[in-house]
Amino acid sequence: MDRAEVGALVQSAVDGDAAAWKALVEGLSPLVWSVVRAHRLSDADGHEVYQTVWFRFAQHLGRIREPDKAGSWLASTARNECLKVIRGLTRLLPTDDPQVLDRISEDRTPEQSLIDAEDQADEARRIRMLWQEFEELGDRCRQLLRVLMASPPPSYVEVSAALGIAVGSIGPLRQRCLRRLRARLDARGAV
């Protein structure tokens, strides 16, 4: 099939001539297949590239500036599609290395990213609720729990000196305050 014939067939196909389209596919398919085979793709990948090339050709048929060079367009598109497939395959190299197989993927799927975002939002909601209920505790409980949450945590002797609570009362008071906080959270269904 010479260039002039290809150009005329492309023009006819643009105008809706099904016979011209069929003649283009039959005449230029060997060219597309030769490019695909040159890249040594698997049968499945080769067929996928072949179909993609013809699909792209149909999409761009009316926009091809030099219809007589449609063969070059097809060959170039086939080469680019083959290279895309090859690049995709090099990312998925099979391995027997247990260290690689055990490693968690660093690439997050969109689904996993959504789940993570929902988990973070839920955790933020629980933390807000915790602090709201904490603020509703009495002054003595809030003071004691804030001091005990310090990092590094102070000794009971230091807490006693700071808050004026007997050392032996700090543990039981702490337990009562935490039970009140837990009860408030349970009442809100936060736990």
N, C-alpha and C. Protein backbone atom coordinates (compact mmCIF):
# COMPACT_ATOMS: atom_id res chain seq x y z
N MET A 1 0.86 -1.17 0.00
CA MET A 1 0.00 0.00 0.00
C MET A 1 0.91 1.24 0.00
N ASP A 2 0.78 2.08 -1.04
CA ASP A 2 1.64 3.26 -1.12
C ASP A 2 1.02 4.44 -0.35
N ARG A 3 1.81 5.49 -0.19
CA ARG A 3 1.39 6.63 0.64
C ARG A 3 0.14 7.31 0.09
N ALA A 4 0.08 7.48 -1.20
CA ALA A 4 -1.08 8.15 -1.80
C ALA A 4 -2.36 7.37 -1.51
N GLU A 5 -2.26 6.03 -1.62
CA GLU A 5 -3.43 5.20 -1.36
C GLU A 5 -3.83 5.29 0.11
N VAL A 6 -2.82 5.30 1.01
CA VAL A 6 -3.09 5.43 2.44
C VAL A 6 -3.78 6.76 2.71
N GLY A 7 -3.26 7.84 2.13
CA GLY A 7 -3.84 9.17 2.32
C GLY A 7 -5.29 9.22 1.88
N ALA A 8 -5.58 8.62 0.72
CA ALA A 8 -6.95 8.62 0.20
C ALA A 8 -7.86 7.80 1.10
N LEU A 9 -7.37 6.65 1.60
CA LEU A 9 -8.17 5.82 2.49
C LEU A 9 -8.46 6.53 3.81
N VAL A 10 -7.48 7.25 4.33
CA VAL A 10 -7.68 7.99 5.57
C VAL A 10 -8.75 9.05 5.36
N GLN A 11 -8.67 9.78 4.25
CA GLN A 11 -9.68 10.81 3.96
C GLN A 11 -11.08 10.20 3.86
N SER A 12 -11.17 9.05 3.20
CA SER A 12 -12.47 8.38 3.05
C SER A 12 -12.97 7.88 4.41
N ALA A 13 -12.07 7.35 5.23
CA ALA A 13 -12.46 6.87 6.56
C ALA A 13 -12.94 8.02 7.43
N VAL A 14 -12.29 9.19 7.31
CA VAL A 14 -12.73 10.37 8.05
C VAL A 14 -14.16 10.74 7.65
N ASP A 15 -14.48 10.54 6.38
CA ASP A 15 -15.82 10.86 5.88
C ASP A 15 -16.83 9.76 6.20
N GLY A 16 -16.40 8.71 6.92
CA GLY A 16 -17.34 7.68 7.36
C GLY A 16 -17.39 6.44 6.49
N ASP A 17 -16.47 6.29 5.58
CA ASP A 17 -16.46 5.13 4.68
C ASP A 17 -15.91 3.91 5.44
N ALA A 18 -16.80 2.96 5.77
CA ALA A 18 -16.40 1.77 6.53
C ALA A 18 -15.46 0.90 5.73
N ALA A 19 -15.63 0.84 4.42
CA ALA A 19 -14.76 0.02 3.57
C ALA A 19 -13.34 0.58 3.58
N ALA A 20 -13.23 1.90 3.61
CA ALA A 20 -11.89 2.52 3.66
C ALA A 20 -11.21 2.20 4.99
N TRP A 21 -12.00 2.26 6.07
CA TRP A 21 -11.44 1.92 7.40
C TRP A 21 -10.94 0.47 7.40
N LYS A 22 -11.76 -0.43 6.85
CA LYS A 22 -11.40 -1.85 6.80
C LYS A 22 -10.13 -2.04 5.98
N ALA A 23 -10.02 -1.32 4.87
CA ALA A 23 -8.84 -1.43 4.01
C ALA A 23 -7.59 -0.91 4.74
N LEU A 24 -7.76 0.16 5.53
CA LEU A 24 -6.63 0.68 6.32
C LEU A 24 -6.15 -0.35 7.34
N VAL A 25 -7.11 -0.92 8.05
CA VAL A 25 -6.76 -1.90 9.09
C VAL A 25 -6.08 -3.11 8.45
N GLU A 26 -6.65 -3.62 7.35
CA GLU A 26 -6.05 -4.79 6.69
C GLU A 26 -4.68 -4.46 6.10
N GLY A 27 -4.55 -3.28 5.52
CA GLY A 27 -3.30 -2.92 4.86
C GLY A 27 -2.18 -2.53 5.82
N LEU A 28 -2.53 -1.93 6.96
CA LEU A 28 -1.49 -1.44 7.86
C LEU A 28 -1.30 -2.29 9.11
N SER A 29 -2.15 -3.29 9.31
CA SER A 29 -1.99 -4.18 10.47
C SER A 29 -0.62 -4.87 10.49
N PRO A 30 -0.12 -5.36 9.33
CA PRO A 30 1.21 -6.00 9.39
C PRO A 30 2.30 -5.04 9.91
N LEU A 31 2.18 -3.75 9.57
CA LEU A 31 3.14 -2.77 10.07
C LEU A 31 3.05 -2.66 11.59
N VAL A 32 1.83 -2.54 12.12
CA VAL A 32 1.65 -2.43 13.56
C VAL A 32 2.18 -3.68 14.25
N TRP A 33 1.83 -4.85 13.71
CA TRP A 33 2.29 -6.10 14.32
C TRP A 33 3.81 -6.22 14.28
N SER A 34 4.44 -5.73 13.22
CA SER A 34 5.91 -5.84 13.15
C SER A 34 6.56 -5.00 14.24
N VAL A 35 6.00 -3.84 14.54
CA VAL A 35 6.55 -3.01 15.62
C VAL A 35 6.33 -3.70 16.97
N VAL A 36 5.14 -4.25 17.16
CA VAL A 36 4.83 -4.93 18.42
C VAL A 36 5.76 -6.12 18.63
N ARG A 37 5.94 -6.93 17.59
CA ARG A 37 6.81 -8.12 17.70
C ARG A 37 8.26 -7.73 17.94
N ALA A 38 8.68 -6.61 17.37
CA ALA A 38 10.06 -6.16 17.57
C ALA A 38 10.36 -5.86 19.03
N HIS A 39 9.32 -5.55 19.80
CA HIS A 39 9.50 -5.25 21.22
C HIS A 39 9.36 -6.49 22.11
N ARG A 40 9.10 -7.63 21.48
CA ARG A 40 9.08 -8.93 22.16
C ARG A 40 8.15 -8.96 23.37
N LEU A 41 6.95 -8.44 23.19
CA LEU A 41 5.96 -8.47 24.26
C LEU A 41 5.28 -9.83 24.31
N SER A 42 4.65 -10.13 25.43
CA SER A 42 3.85 -11.36 25.51
C SER A 42 2.67 -11.24 24.56
N ASP A 43 2.04 -12.37 24.25
CA ASP A 43 0.88 -12.33 23.34
C ASP A 43 -0.20 -11.41 23.87
N ALA A 44 -0.49 -11.52 25.16
CA ALA A 44 -1.56 -10.70 25.75
C ALA A 44 -1.20 -9.21 25.67
N ASP A 45 0.04 -8.87 26.04
CA ASP A 45 0.46 -7.46 25.97
C ASP A 45 0.50 -6.98 24.52
N GLY A 46 0.95 -7.85 23.61
CA GLY A 46 0.99 -7.48 22.19
C GLY A 46 -0.39 -7.18 21.64
N HIS A 47 -1.37 -8.02 21.98
CA HIS A 47 -2.74 -7.78 21.52
C HIS A 47 -3.30 -6.49 22.14
N GLU A 48 -2.96 -6.26 23.40
CA GLU A 48 -3.42 -5.03 24.06
C GLU A 48 -2.86 -3.80 23.36
N VAL A 49 -1.57 -3.83 23.04
CA VAL A 49 -0.94 -2.71 22.33
C VAL A 49 -1.58 -2.54 20.96
N TYR A 50 -1.77 -3.63 20.24
CA TYR A 50 -2.38 -3.58 18.90
C TYR A 50 -3.74 -2.88 18.96
N GLN A 51 -4.57 -3.31 19.91
CA GLN A 51 -5.90 -2.70 20.03
C GLN A 51 -5.82 -1.24 20.43
N THR A 52 -4.90 -0.93 21.34
CA THR A 52 -4.75 0.47 21.78
C THR A 52 -4.31 1.36 20.63
N VAL A 53 -3.39 0.87 19.79
CA VAL A 53 -2.91 1.66 18.65
C VAL A 53 -4.07 1.97 17.71
N TRP A 54 -4.87 0.98 17.39
CA TRP A 54 -5.99 1.22 16.47
C TRP A 54 -7.06 2.09 17.11
N PHE A 55 -7.24 1.95 18.40
CA PHE A 55 -8.19 2.81 19.10
C PHE A 55 -7.73 4.27 19.03
N ARG A 56 -6.44 4.50 19.32
CA ARG A 56 -5.91 5.87 19.26
C ARG A 56 -5.98 6.42 17.83
N PHE A 57 -5.73 5.57 16.86
CA PHE A 57 -5.80 5.99 15.47
C PHE A 57 -7.23 6.45 15.14
N ALA A 58 -8.22 5.67 15.60
CA ALA A 58 -9.62 6.04 15.35
C ALA A 58 -9.95 7.35 16.05
N GLN A 59 -9.43 7.55 17.27
CA GLN A 59 -9.69 8.79 18.01
C GLN A 59 -9.12 10.00 17.30
N HIS A 60 -7.95 9.84 16.68
CA HIS A 60 -7.23 10.97 16.08
C HIS A 60 -7.37 11.04 14.56
N LEU A 61 -8.16 10.18 13.99
CA LEU A 61 -8.25 10.06 12.54
C LEU A 61 -8.49 11.40 11.85
N GLY A 62 -9.41 12.18 12.35
CA GLY A 62 -9.73 13.46 11.72
C GLY A 62 -8.70 14.55 11.98
N ARG A 63 -7.77 14.30 12.89
CA ARG A 63 -6.78 15.32 13.24
C ARG A 63 -5.38 15.03 12.69
N ILE A 64 -5.24 13.96 11.94
CA ILE A 64 -3.93 13.62 11.39
C ILE A 64 -3.64 14.61 10.26
N ARG A 65 -2.55 15.38 10.43
CA ARG A 65 -2.23 16.46 9.49
C ARG A 65 -1.76 15.97 8.13
N GLU A 66 -1.05 14.86 8.14
CA GLU A 66 -0.55 14.32 6.87
C GLU A 66 -1.09 12.91 6.71
N PRO A 67 -2.30 12.77 6.15
CA PRO A 67 -2.94 11.46 6.05
C PRO A 67 -2.11 10.42 5.30
N ASP A 68 -1.29 10.88 4.36
CA ASP A 68 -0.48 9.93 3.59
C ASP A 68 0.62 9.31 4.46
N LYS A 69 0.89 9.89 5.63
CA LYS A 69 1.90 9.36 6.54
C LYS A 69 1.26 8.63 7.73
N ALA A 70 0.05 8.13 7.55
CA ALA A 70 -0.65 7.42 8.61
C ALA A 70 0.13 6.19 9.07
N GLY A 71 0.86 5.55 8.15
CA GLY A 71 1.68 4.39 8.52
C GLY A 71 2.74 4.78 9.53
N SER A 72 3.37 5.93 9.32
CA SER A 72 4.38 6.41 10.27
C SER A 72 3.74 6.72 11.61
N TRP A 73 2.55 7.32 11.57
CA TRP A 73 1.83 7.63 12.81
C TRP A 73 1.54 6.34 13.57
N LEU A 74 1.06 5.33 12.88
CA LEU A 74 0.75 4.05 13.52
C LEU A 74 2.00 3.40 14.09
N ALA A 75 3.09 3.41 13.34
CA ALA A 75 4.32 2.79 13.82
C ALA A 75 4.85 3.51 15.05
N SER A 76 4.81 4.83 15.03
CA SER A 76 5.28 5.62 16.17
C SER A 76 4.42 5.38 17.40
N THR A 77 3.11 5.35 17.20
CA THR A 77 2.19 5.10 18.31
C THR A 77 2.39 3.69 18.87
N ALA A 78 2.58 2.71 17.99
CA ALA A 78 2.81 1.33 18.43
C ALA A 78 4.09 1.26 19.26
N ARG A 79 5.14 1.94 18.80
CA ARG A 79 6.40 1.93 19.55
C ARG A 79 6.20 2.56 20.93
N ASN A 80 5.51 3.69 21.00
CA ASN A 80 5.28 4.36 22.29
C ASN A 80 4.45 3.49 23.23
N GLU A 81 3.43 2.83 22.70
CA GLU A 81 2.59 1.96 23.53
C GLU A 81 3.39 0.76 24.03
N CYS A 82 4.23 0.21 23.18
CA CYS A 82 5.09 -0.92 23.60
C CYS A 82 6.02 -0.48 24.73
N LEU A 83 6.59 0.69 24.60
CA LEU A 83 7.50 1.19 25.64
C LEU A 83 6.77 1.43 26.95
N LYS A 84 5.52 1.89 26.87
CA LYS A 84 4.72 2.06 28.10
C LYS A 84 4.54 0.71 28.80
N VAL A 85 4.22 -0.31 28.01
CA VAL A 85 4.02 -1.64 28.59
C VAL A 85 5.32 -2.15 29.20
N ILE A 86 6.42 -1.97 28.50
CA ILE A 86 7.72 -2.44 29.01
C ILE A 86 8.08 -1.72 30.29
N ARG A 87 7.85 -0.40 30.35
CA ARG A 87 8.13 0.35 31.58
C ARG A 87 7.28 -0.17 32.72
N GLY A 88 6.04 -0.48 32.44
CA GLY A 88 5.15 -1.03 33.46
C GLY A 88 5.61 -2.39 33.94
N LEU A 89 6.14 -3.19 33.03
CA LEU A 89 6.62 -4.53 33.41
C LEU A 89 7.87 -4.47 34.26
N THR A 90 8.74 -3.49 34.00
CA THR A 90 9.98 -3.42 34.78
C THR A 90 9.71 -3.04 36.22
N ARG A 91 8.55 -2.44 36.49
CA ARG A 91 8.20 -2.13 37.88
C ARG A 91 7.75 -3.37 38.63
N LEU A 92 7.36 -4.41 37.91
CA LEU A 92 6.80 -5.61 38.54
C LEU A 92 7.68 -6.82 38.24
N LEU A 93 8.93 -6.75 38.64
CA LEU A 93 9.83 -7.87 38.40
C LEU A 93 9.58 -8.97 39.40
N PRO A 94 9.36 -10.20 38.94
CA PRO A 94 9.17 -11.31 39.87
C PRO A 94 10.46 -11.55 40.66
N THR A 95 10.30 -11.99 41.89
CA THR A 95 11.47 -12.24 42.73
C THR A 95 11.19 -13.37 43.69
N ASP A 96 12.25 -14.01 44.09
CA ASP A 96 12.17 -15.04 45.13
C ASP A 96 12.78 -14.52 46.42
N ASP A 97 13.24 -13.29 46.42
CA ASP A 97 13.90 -12.71 47.59
C ASP A 97 12.88 -12.48 48.70
N PRO A 98 12.98 -13.21 49.83
CA PRO A 98 11.98 -13.06 50.89
C PRO A 98 11.95 -11.66 51.50
N GLN A 99 13.09 -10.97 51.48
CA GLN A 99 13.10 -9.61 52.04
C GLN A 99 12.24 -8.68 51.20
N VAL A 100 12.28 -8.85 49.90
CA VAL A 100 11.46 -8.02 49.01
C VAL A 100 9.99 -8.42 49.15
N LEU A 101 9.74 -9.72 49.25
CA LEU A 101 8.36 -10.19 49.34
C LEU A 101 7.71 -9.80 50.66
N ASP A 102 8.50 -9.71 51.74
CA ASP A 102 7.95 -9.37 53.04
C ASP A 102 7.79 -7.87 53.24
N ARG A 103 8.45 -7.08 52.42
CA ARG A 103 8.40 -5.63 52.59
C ARG A 103 7.02 -5.12 52.20
N ILE A 104 6.50 -4.26 53.01
CA ILE A 104 5.19 -3.65 52.74
C ILE A 104 5.39 -2.60 51.65
N SER A 105 4.48 -2.57 50.72
CA SER A 105 4.55 -1.61 49.63
C SER A 105 4.50 -0.19 50.18
N GLU A 106 5.37 0.65 49.64
CA GLU A 106 5.38 2.05 50.05
C GLU A 106 4.34 2.85 49.27
N ASP A 107 3.88 2.27 48.15
CA ASP A 107 2.86 2.94 47.36
C ASP A 107 1.50 2.67 47.98
N ARG A 108 0.78 3.71 48.28
CA ARG A 108 -0.54 3.58 48.90
C ARG A 108 -1.57 3.56 47.78
N THR A 109 -2.49 2.62 47.86
CA THR A 109 -3.58 2.60 46.89
C THR A 109 -4.55 3.72 47.26
N PRO A 110 -5.35 4.19 46.31
CA PRO A 110 -6.34 5.22 46.65
C PRO A 110 -7.29 4.75 47.75
N GLU A 111 -7.64 3.48 47.71
CA GLU A 111 -8.54 2.95 48.73
C GLU A 111 -7.89 3.02 50.11
N GLN A 112 -6.59 2.59 50.18
CA GLN A 112 -5.89 2.60 51.46
C GLN A 112 -5.70 4.04 51.95
N SER A 113 -5.46 4.96 51.04
CA SER A 113 -5.32 6.37 51.43
C SER A 113 -6.63 6.89 52.02
N LEU A 114 -7.75 6.49 51.42
CA LEU A 114 -9.06 6.91 51.93
C LEU A 114 -9.32 6.31 53.31
N ILE A 115 -9.00 5.03 53.47
CA ILE A 115 -9.19 4.37 54.77
C ILE A 115 -8.32 5.05 55.82
N ASP A 116 -7.07 5.35 55.46
CA ASP A 116 -6.17 6.03 56.41
C ASP A 116 -6.72 7.40 56.79
N ALA A 117 -7.23 8.14 55.81
CA ALA A 117 -7.78 9.47 56.09
C ALA A 117 -9.00 9.36 57.01
N GLU A 118 -9.84 8.36 56.76
CA GLU A 118 -11.01 8.17 57.62
C GLU A 118 -10.59 7.79 59.04
N ASP A 119 -9.57 6.93 59.13
CA ASP A 119 -9.07 6.54 60.46
C ASP A 119 -8.50 7.75 61.21
N GLN A 120 -7.77 8.60 60.49
CA GLN A 120 -7.20 9.79 61.11
C GLN A 120 -8.30 10.74 61.57
N ALA A 121 -9.33 10.90 60.76
CA ALA A 121 -10.45 11.78 61.14
C ALA A 121 -11.17 11.22 62.36
N ASP A 122 -11.36 9.90 62.39
CA ASP A 122 -12.02 9.26 63.53
C ASP A 122 -11.17 9.42 64.79
N GLU A 123 -9.87 9.25 64.65
CA GLU A 123 -8.97 9.41 65.80
C GLU A 123 -9.00 10.86 66.29
N ALA A 124 -9.00 11.82 65.38
CA ALA A 124 -9.07 13.23 65.77
C ALA A 124 -10.38 13.53 66.50
N ARG A 125 -11.49 12.94 66.04
CA ARG A 125 -12.78 13.12 66.69
C ARG A 125 -12.74 12.56 68.12
N ARG A 126 -12.15 11.36 68.28
CA ARG A 126 -12.07 10.76 69.62
C ARG A 126 -11.20 11.60 70.55
N ILE A 127 -10.12 12.14 70.03
CA ILE A 127 -9.24 12.98 70.85
C ILE A 127 -9.96 14.26 71.28
N ARG A 128 -10.69 14.89 70.34
CA ARG A 128 -11.46 16.09 70.70
C ARG A 128 -12.47 15.78 71.78
N MET A 129 -13.17 14.65 71.64
CA MET A 129 -14.16 14.26 72.62
C MET A 129 -13.51 14.00 73.99
N LEU A 130 -12.35 13.36 73.96
CA LEU A 130 -11.63 13.09 75.21
C LEU A 130 -11.30 14.40 75.92
N TRP A 131 -10.78 15.38 75.18
CA TRP A 131 -10.41 16.66 75.81
C TRP A 131 -11.64 17.44 76.26
N GLN A 132 -12.74 17.33 75.53
CA GLN A 132 -13.97 17.99 75.97
C GLN A 132 -14.43 17.42 77.32
N GLU A 133 -14.41 16.10 77.43
CA GLU A 133 -14.81 15.47 78.68
C GLU A 133 -13.79 15.74 79.79
N PHE A 134 -12.53 15.79 79.43
CA PHE A 134 -11.49 16.11 80.40
C PHE A 134 -11.74 17.49 81.01
N GLU A 135 -12.12 18.45 80.16
CA GLU A 135 -12.37 19.81 80.64
C GLU A 135 -13.59 19.88 81.56
N GLU A 136 -14.48 18.89 81.49
CA GLU A 136 -15.66 18.87 82.34
C GLU A 136 -15.37 18.25 83.72
N LEU A 137 -14.20 17.65 83.90
CA LEU A 137 -13.83 17.11 85.22
C LEU A 137 -13.61 18.27 86.19
N GLY A 138 -13.61 17.98 87.46
CA GLY A 138 -13.34 19.02 88.45
C GLY A 138 -11.90 19.52 88.35
N ASP A 139 -11.65 20.71 88.94
CA ASP A 139 -10.32 21.32 88.90
C ASP A 139 -9.25 20.39 89.45
N ARG A 140 -9.54 19.77 90.59
CA ARG A 140 -8.55 18.91 91.24
C ARG A 140 -8.13 17.76 90.32
N CYS A 141 -9.09 17.10 89.68
CA CYS A 141 -8.78 15.99 88.75
C CYS A 141 -7.98 16.50 87.55
N ARG A 142 -8.40 17.61 86.97
CA ARG A 142 -7.69 18.16 85.80
C ARG A 142 -6.25 18.48 86.16
N GLN A 143 -6.04 19.14 87.31
CA GLN A 143 -4.68 19.49 87.72
C GLN A 143 -3.83 18.24 87.91
N LEU A 144 -4.36 17.27 88.63
CA LEU A 144 -3.59 16.06 88.91
C LEU A 144 -3.25 15.32 87.62
N LEU A 145 -4.24 15.11 86.76
CA LEU A 145 -3.98 14.36 85.53
C LEU A 145 -3.03 15.10 84.60
N ARG A 146 -3.13 16.42 84.54
CA ARG A 146 -2.19 17.19 83.71
C ARG A 146 -0.76 17.03 84.21
N VAL A 147 -0.58 17.12 85.52
CA VAL A 147 0.76 16.98 86.09
C VAL A 147 1.30 15.58 85.82
N LEU A 148 0.44 14.56 85.99
CA LEU A 148 0.90 13.19 85.80
C LEU A 148 1.16 12.85 84.33
N MET A 149 0.59 13.65 83.40
CA MET A 149 0.82 13.41 81.97
C MET A 149 2.12 14.03 81.48
N ALA A 150 2.79 14.79 82.32
CA ALA A 150 4.01 15.46 81.90
C ALA A 150 5.05 14.45 81.45
N SER A 151 5.92 14.88 80.60
CA SER A 151 6.98 14.02 80.12
C SER A 151 8.32 14.70 80.41
N PRO A 152 9.16 14.07 81.16
CA PRO A 152 9.00 12.82 81.89
C PRO A 152 8.07 13.02 83.08
N PRO A 153 7.36 11.95 83.46
CA PRO A 153 6.41 12.08 84.56
C PRO A 153 7.13 12.40 85.87
N PRO A 154 6.55 13.30 86.66
CA PRO A 154 7.19 13.66 87.94
C PRO A 154 6.97 12.54 88.97
N SER A 155 7.79 12.54 89.98
CA SER A 155 7.62 11.57 91.07
C SER A 155 6.42 12.01 91.90
N TYR A 156 5.87 11.06 92.68
CA TYR A 156 4.74 11.39 93.54
C TYR A 156 5.13 12.43 94.59
N VAL A 157 6.40 12.45 94.99
CA VAL A 157 6.87 13.46 95.96
C VAL A 157 6.76 14.84 95.32
N GLU A 158 7.15 14.96 94.04
CA GLU A 158 7.07 16.24 93.34
C GLU A 158 5.60 16.66 93.14
N VAL A 159 4.74 15.69 92.81
CA VAL A 159 3.30 15.97 92.63
C VAL A 159 2.72 16.44 93.96
N SER A 160 3.09 15.76 95.03
CA SER A 160 2.60 16.13 96.36
C SER A 160 2.97 17.56 96.71
N ALA A 161 4.23 17.91 96.44
CA ALA A 161 4.71 19.25 96.75
C ALA A 161 4.01 20.30 95.88
N ALA A 162 3.78 19.97 94.60
CA ALA A 162 3.18 20.94 93.68
C ALA A 162 1.69 21.15 93.94
N LEU A 163 0.97 20.09 94.27
CA LEU A 163 -0.48 20.19 94.38
C LEU A 163 -1.00 20.14 95.82
N GLY A 164 -0.11 19.88 96.76
CA GLY A 164 -0.53 19.82 98.16
C GLY A 164 -1.39 18.60 98.46
N ILE A 165 -1.13 17.49 97.81
CA ILE A 165 -1.86 16.24 98.03
C ILE A 165 -0.90 15.27 98.71
N ALA A 166 -1.37 14.54 99.70
CA ALA A 166 -0.51 13.56 100.36
C ALA A 166 -0.06 12.51 99.35
N VAL A 167 1.19 12.07 99.47
CA VAL A 167 1.76 11.10 98.53
C VAL A 167 0.88 9.85 98.45
N GLY A 168 0.38 9.36 99.59
CA GLY A 168 -0.45 8.16 99.61
C GLY A 168 -1.82 8.34 98.98
N SER A 169 -2.25 9.57 98.77
CA SER A 169 -3.57 9.83 98.18
C SER A 169 -3.51 10.01 96.67
N ILE A 170 -2.31 10.20 96.12
CA ILE A 170 -2.18 10.50 94.68
C ILE A 170 -2.71 9.35 93.82
N GLY A 171 -2.28 8.11 94.12
CA GLY A 171 -2.70 6.95 93.32
C GLY A 171 -4.21 6.75 93.35
N PRO A 172 -4.83 6.68 94.54
CA PRO A 172 -6.28 6.49 94.58
C PRO A 172 -7.06 7.65 93.93
N LEU A 173 -6.59 8.88 94.12
CA LEU A 173 -7.26 10.03 93.49
C LEU A 173 -7.14 9.94 91.97
N ARG A 174 -5.97 9.57 91.50
CA ARG A 174 -5.75 9.39 90.06
C ARG A 174 -6.74 8.36 89.51
N GLN A 175 -6.91 7.23 90.20
CA GLN A 175 -7.83 6.18 89.76
C GLN A 175 -9.27 6.70 89.70
N ARG A 176 -9.70 7.44 90.73
CA ARG A 176 -11.06 7.98 90.73
C ARG A 176 -11.28 8.96 89.57
N CYS A 177 -10.28 9.80 89.32
CA CYS A 177 -10.39 10.77 88.22
C CYS A 177 -10.48 10.06 86.87
N LEU A 178 -9.66 9.04 86.69
CA LEU A 178 -9.69 8.30 85.43
C LEU A 178 -11.00 7.54 85.26
N ARG A 179 -11.55 7.01 86.37
CA ARG A 179 -12.86 6.33 86.30
C ARG A 179 -13.95 7.32 85.91
N ARG A 180 -13.91 8.54 86.48
CA ARG A 180 -14.91 9.56 86.10
C ARG A 180 -14.80 9.91 84.61
N LEU A 181 -13.57 10.06 84.18
CA LEU A 181 -13.35 10.39 82.76
C LEU A 181 -13.87 9.26 81.88
N ARG A 182 -13.57 8.02 82.24
CA ARG A 182 -14.04 6.86 81.49
C ARG A 182 -15.57 6.81 81.46
N ALA A 183 -16.20 7.07 82.60
CA ALA A 183 -17.66 7.05 82.67
C ALA A 183 -18.26 8.12 81.76
N ARG A 184 -17.65 9.29 81.73
CA ARG A 184 -18.15 10.37 80.87
C ARG A 184 -18.01 9.97 79.40
N LEU A 185 -16.89 9.38 79.05
CA LEU A 185 -16.68 8.95 77.66
C LEU A 185 -17.63 7.82 77.29
N ASP A 186 -17.83 6.88 78.23
CA ASP A 186 -18.78 5.78 77.97
C ASP A 186 -20.18 6.33 77.74
N ALA A 187 -20.56 7.33 78.52
CA ALA A 187 -21.90 7.92 78.37
C ALA A 187 -22.09 8.55 77.00
N ARG A 188 -21.01 9.06 76.43
CA ARG A 188 -21.09 9.66 75.08
C ARG A 188 -20.87 8.63 73.98
N GLY A 189 -20.55 7.41 74.40
CA GLY A 189 -20.29 6.35 73.39
C GLY A 189 -18.98 6.54 72.69
N ALA A 190 -18.01 7.16 73.37
CA ALA A 190 -16.73 7.48 72.74
C ALA A 190 -15.73 6.35 72.84
N VAL A 191 -15.98 5.38 73.66
CA VAL A 191 -14.97 4.32 73.85
C VAL A 191 -15.43 3.03 73.24
